[in-house]
Protein backbone atom coordinates (compact mmCIF):
# COMPACT_ATOMS: atom_id res chain seq x y z
CA ASP A 1 6.13 -39.20 -20.51
CA TRP A 2 3.75 -36.21 -20.52
CA ALA A 3 1.42 -37.50 -17.76
CA ALA A 4 4.33 -38.03 -15.35
CA TYR A 5 5.65 -34.53 -16.13
CA PHE A 6 2.20 -33.05 -15.49
CA ALA A 7 1.79 -34.93 -12.20
CA GLU A 8 5.24 -33.81 -11.03
CA THR A 9 4.46 -30.19 -11.95
CA VAL A 10 1.20 -30.30 -9.97
CA ARG A 11 2.99 -31.81 -6.95
CA ASN A 12 5.67 -29.09 -7.09
CA LYS A 13 3.08 -26.32 -7.29
CA GLN A 14 1.14 -27.76 -4.37
CA SER A 15 4.35 -28.07 -2.37
CA ASN A 16 5.33 -24.48 -3.18
CA ARG A 17 1.86 -23.27 -2.23
CA TYR A 18 2.11 -25.10 1.11
CA GLU A 19 5.56 -23.60 1.77
CA GLY A 20 4.20 -20.15 0.96
CA GLN A 21 1.34 -20.61 3.42
CA LYS A 22 3.76 -21.80 6.08
CA ASN A 23 5.96 -18.75 5.57
CA LYS A 24 2.99 -16.37 5.66
CA SER A 25 2.44 -17.20 9.30
CA LYS A 26 5.66 -15.32 10.11
CA TYR A 27 4.14 -12.10 8.86
CA GLU A 28 1.19 -10.55 10.58
CA THR A 29 -1.55 -9.11 8.38
CA ARG A 30 -2.42 -5.70 9.70
CA TYR A 31 -5.91 -4.28 9.77
CA ASN A 32 -7.29 -0.85 10.62
CA LEU A 33 -4.48 0.89 8.75
CA VAL A 34 -4.35 4.67 8.52
CA VAL A 35 -3.20 5.68 5.01
CA LEU A 36 -2.09 9.10 3.81
CA ALA A 37 -2.88 9.47 0.09
CA VAL A 38 -1.14 12.41 -1.59
CA ASP A 39 -2.13 13.45 -5.12
CA ASP A 40 -3.04 16.71 -6.83
CA ASP A 41 -5.68 14.97 -8.96
CA LEU A 42 -8.96 14.78 -7.03
CA ILE A 43 -10.25 11.90 -9.16
CA ASN A 44 -7.17 9.81 -8.33
CA LEU A 45 -7.62 10.52 -4.64
CA LYS A 46 -11.29 9.53 -4.64
CA LEU A 47 -10.61 6.33 -6.61
CA LEU A 48 -7.71 5.39 -4.36
CA LYS A 49 -9.75 6.04 -1.23
CA SER A 50 -12.61 3.91 -2.53
CA MET A 51 -10.32 0.99 -3.42
CA LEU A 52 -8.49 1.11 -0.10
CA LYS A 53 -11.69 1.19 1.93
CA LYS A 54 -13.08 -1.79 -0.01
CA SER A 55 -10.01 -3.86 0.97
CA GLY A 56 -11.30 -4.11 4.53
CA LYS A 57 -7.84 -3.51 5.95
CA VAL A 58 -7.91 0.30 5.92
CA ALA A 59 -9.70 2.18 8.68
CA GLU A 60 -9.00 5.70 7.45
CA VAL A 61 -7.65 7.38 4.33
CA ILE A 62 -6.36 10.90 4.85
CA GLU A 63 -6.15 12.99 1.69
CA ALA A 64 -3.55 15.64 0.86
CA ARG A 65 -3.52 17.61 -2.42
CA ASN A 66 0.23 18.38 -2.50
CA GLY A 67 3.50 17.75 -0.70
CA SER A 68 3.16 20.74 1.61
CA ASP A 69 -0.21 19.52 2.83
CA ALA A 70 1.24 16.03 3.32
CA ILE A 71 4.04 17.40 5.52
CA GLY A 72 1.44 19.25 7.60
CA VAL A 73 -0.56 16.06 8.10
CA LEU A 74 2.56 14.08 9.00
CA LYS A 75 3.54 16.66 11.60
CA SER A 76 0.11 16.59 13.20
CA ARG A 77 -0.55 12.84 13.14
CA ALA A 78 1.68 10.08 14.46
CA ASP A 79 -0.71 7.24 13.61
CA ILE A 80 -0.11 7.03 9.84
CA ASP A 81 0.87 3.53 8.74
CA LEU A 82 1.36 4.04 5.00
CA ILE A 83 1.93 6.97 2.64
CA LEU A 84 0.93 6.73 -1.02
CA LEU A 85 2.68 9.65 -2.67
CA ASP A 86 2.37 11.07 -6.17
CA ILE A 87 5.69 12.24 -7.60
CA MET A 88 4.59 15.10 -9.86
CA MET A 89 2.62 17.71 -7.87
CA PRO A 90 2.54 21.50 -7.55
CA ASN A 91 4.20 23.39 -4.67
CA MET A 92 6.23 20.44 -3.38
CA ASP A 93 6.63 17.25 -5.41
CA GLY A 94 6.92 13.72 -4.06
CA TYR A 95 10.72 13.68 -4.22
CA GLU A 96 10.94 16.79 -2.05
CA VAL A 97 8.54 15.28 0.47
CA CYS A 98 10.76 12.21 0.79
CA GLN A 99 13.79 14.38 1.58
CA ILE A 100 12.18 16.23 4.49
CA LYS A 101 12.94 14.98 7.99
CA ILE A 102 9.98 15.22 10.32
């Protein structure tokens, strides 16, 4: 019967949602993140920075225009939590940045 199927589906979804909320407690949501955004397109950088700041979880977005600049930032700052890295850039692309040991 369709009504029984619908009721069972709703119960399963509610149960899954509850399980998901229970499991979320294992993982801590971090705030005040420091993000390094690396892109050669200034418009992309500005848009990314704006979106990250609006999230409320990001304290600072550091911008780098190419891989070489990103390496310089990484060497000078130990507080970076996340790197958002474009792959195709001049001077040093994203793949090369990933291969460098700092």
